[in-house]
């Protein structure tokens, strides 16, 4: 399975000059915790809800400050065609919770730890489905 099968798409992006107040509004509007920061078609950084809290709010930055003042750069990424297991390894190795997904140099989606958790749940359900049905089809009785 490729990363593209589990990522959220399209990625929500902002330019490096977008005010942090607007970044927060977009996160709220889309119900997401991170945005890819792009400039000239290329990925320049990532900004998360935690960046807004720790780097902007805690430092008393004005809502009109540009997002590049609080974004994380350089960015750890994965490719849309990468095997999902490569994404698991990248999350473990780096400790990040969100990965912009690239197709070439273009941001095409976002993959989160939550997306992989849903993948795990699906795999467990697929594995246990037949077992659960066989248990449910047996009448309850005293232990053997």
Protein backbone atom coordinates (compact mmCIF):
# COMPACT_ATOMS: atom_id res chain seq x y z
CA UNK A 1 0.00 0.00 0.00
CA UNK A 2 1.29 3.45 -0.91
CA UNK A 3 1.23 6.57 1.25
CA UNK A 4 -1.22 8.13 -1.22
CA UNK A 5 -3.87 5.59 -0.13
CA UNK A 6 -3.87 6.83 3.49
CA UNK A 7 -3.03 10.53 3.21
CA UNK A 8 -5.49 13.39 3.46
CA UNK A 9 -5.71 15.23 0.17
CA UNK A 10 -5.44 17.83 -1.06
CA UNK A 11 -3.02 19.42 1.40
CA UNK A 12 -4.09 22.77 2.77
CA UNK A 13 -1.31 25.24 2.05
CA UNK A 14 -0.42 28.84 2.83
CA UNK A 15 2.35 31.09 1.59
CA UNK A 16 5.26 32.14 3.78
CA UNK A 17 3.78 35.64 4.14
CA UNK A 18 0.34 34.51 5.37
CA UNK A 19 -0.45 36.13 8.76
CA UNK A 20 -0.52 33.68 11.66
CA UNK A 21 -4.05 34.80 12.52
CA UNK A 22 -5.20 33.60 9.10
CA UNK A 23 -3.31 30.33 9.60
CA UNK A 24 -5.27 29.70 12.81
CA UNK A 25 -8.56 30.50 11.07
CA UNK A 26 -7.81 28.05 8.26
CA UNK A 27 -6.94 25.30 10.72
CA UNK A 28 -10.28 25.88 12.41
CA UNK A 29 -12.18 26.08 9.12
CA UNK A 30 -10.75 22.79 7.83
CA UNK A 31 -10.60 21.05 11.22
CA UNK A 32 -6.89 20.29 10.86
CA UNK A 33 -3.80 20.76 13.02
CA UNK A 34 -1.21 21.62 10.38
CA UNK A 35 -0.69 23.44 7.11
CA UNK A 36 2.04 23.13 4.53
CA UNK A 37 3.86 26.41 3.92
CA UNK A 38 4.79 26.92 0.28
CA UNK A 39 6.41 29.56 -1.83
CA UNK A 40 6.94 29.53 -5.59
CA UNK A 41 5.41 26.07 -5.83
CA UNK A 42 7.86 24.50 -3.40
CA UNK A 43 7.51 23.39 0.20
CA UNK A 44 9.20 25.81 2.59
CA UNK A 45 7.91 24.62 5.95
CA UNK A 46 5.09 23.25 8.04
CA UNK A 47 3.10 25.04 10.70
CA UNK A 48 1.18 23.16 13.37
CA UNK A 49 -1.31 24.12 16.04
CA UNK A 50 1.51 23.56 18.53
CA UNK A 51 3.71 26.04 16.63
CA UNK A 52 0.95 28.63 16.97
CA UNK A 53 0.66 27.99 20.72
CA UNK A 54 4.35 27.70 21.60
CA UNK A 55 6.05 29.94 19.08
CA UNK A 56 3.40 32.59 18.46
CA UNK A 57 1.01 32.87 21.38
CA UNK A 58 3.57 32.18 24.12
CA UNK A 59 5.96 34.76 22.64
CA UNK A 60 3.21 37.34 22.29
CA UNK A 61 3.48 37.64 18.51
CA UNK A 62 0.88 39.74 16.74
CA UNK A 63 -1.68 37.92 14.58
CA UNK A 64 -0.34 39.87 11.60
CA UNK A 65 3.14 38.33 11.83
CA UNK A 66 3.93 36.12 8.84
CA UNK A 67 3.79 32.37 9.29
CA UNK A 68 7.44 31.98 8.38
CA UNK A 69 8.23 33.43 11.82
CA UNK A 70 6.80 30.33 13.52
CA UNK A 71 6.90 27.53 10.93
CA UNK A 72 9.18 24.51 11.18
CA UNK A 73 11.81 24.26 8.48
CA UNK A 74 13.34 22.13 7.07
CA UNK A 75 10.46 19.69 6.80
CA UNK A 76 10.47 15.92 7.04
CA UNK A 77 8.42 14.56 4.13
CA UNK A 78 7.38 11.35 2.41
CA UNK A 79 6.58 10.71 -1.23
CA UNK A 80 3.09 9.76 -2.40
CA UNK A 81 4.48 6.59 -3.99
CA UNK A 82 6.40 5.47 -0.88
CA UNK A 83 5.28 2.24 0.73
CA UNK A 84 3.24 2.91 3.88
CA UNK A 85 5.87 1.04 5.90
CA UNK A 86 8.38 3.73 4.94
CA UNK A 87 6.04 6.28 6.51
CA UNK A 88 5.88 4.20 9.71
CA UNK A 89 9.68 4.17 9.84
CA UNK A 90 9.86 7.91 9.19
CA UNK A 91 7.45 8.67 12.03
CA UNK A 92 9.44 6.43 14.42
CA UNK A 93 12.81 7.80 13.35
CA UNK A 94 11.91 11.50 13.49
CA UNK A 95 9.26 11.77 16.20
CA UNK A 96 7.07 14.10 14.11
CA UNK A 97 3.30 13.63 14.03
CA UNK A 98 2.56 15.03 10.57
CA UNK A 99 4.28 14.50 7.23
CA UNK A 100 3.66 16.53 4.10
CA UNK A 101 3.33 14.18 1.13
CA UNK A 102 5.14 15.12 -2.06
CA UNK A 103 4.72 14.20 -5.69
CA UNK A 104 7.99 15.45 -7.09
CA UNK A 105 8.33 18.89 -5.49
CA UNK A 106 4.59 19.54 -5.18
CA UNK A 107 2.73 19.02 -1.90
CA UNK A 108 -0.23 16.72 -2.65
CA UNK A 109 -1.37 15.67 0.80
CA UNK A 110 -0.68 15.30 4.50
CA UNK A 111 -0.12 12.06 6.40
CA UNK A 112 -0.59 12.02 10.15
CA UNK A 113 0.04 9.57 12.95
CA UNK A 114 -3.76 9.36 13.24
CA UNK A 115 -3.96 8.24 9.60
CA UNK A 116 -1.59 5.37 10.39
CA UNK A 117 -3.54 4.52 13.53
CA UNK A 118 -6.62 4.10 11.35
CA UNK A 119 -4.53 1.87 9.08
CA UNK A 120 -3.60 -0.29 12.08
CA UNK A 121 -7.25 -0.49 13.19
CA UNK A 122 -8.28 -1.57 9.69
CA UNK A 123 -5.58 -4.25 9.57
CA UNK A 124 -6.59 -5.61 12.99
CA UNK A 125 -10.27 -5.61 11.98
CA UNK A 126 -9.39 -7.47 8.77
CA UNK A 127 -7.40 -10.01 10.76
CA UNK A 128 -9.92 -10.50 13.54
CA UNK A 129 -13.10 -10.29 11.47
CA UNK A 130 -13.30 -14.00 10.68
CA UNK A 131 -12.37 -14.93 14.26
CA UNK A 132 -15.00 -12.59 15.70
CA UNK A 133 -17.68 -14.00 13.41
CA UNK A 134 -16.81 -17.57 14.35
CA UNK A 135 -17.07 -16.70 18.04
CA UNK A 136 -20.36 -14.91 17.53
CA UNK A 137 -21.82 -17.89 15.66
CA UNK A 138 -21.08 -20.26 18.55
CA UNK A 139 -23.79 -20.34 21.21
CA UNK A 140 -22.69 -19.17 24.64
CA UNK A 141 -22.18 -21.98 27.08
CA UNK A 142 -20.21 -23.04 30.09
CA UNK A 143 -16.45 -23.04 29.74
CA UNK A 144 -15.01 -26.35 28.63
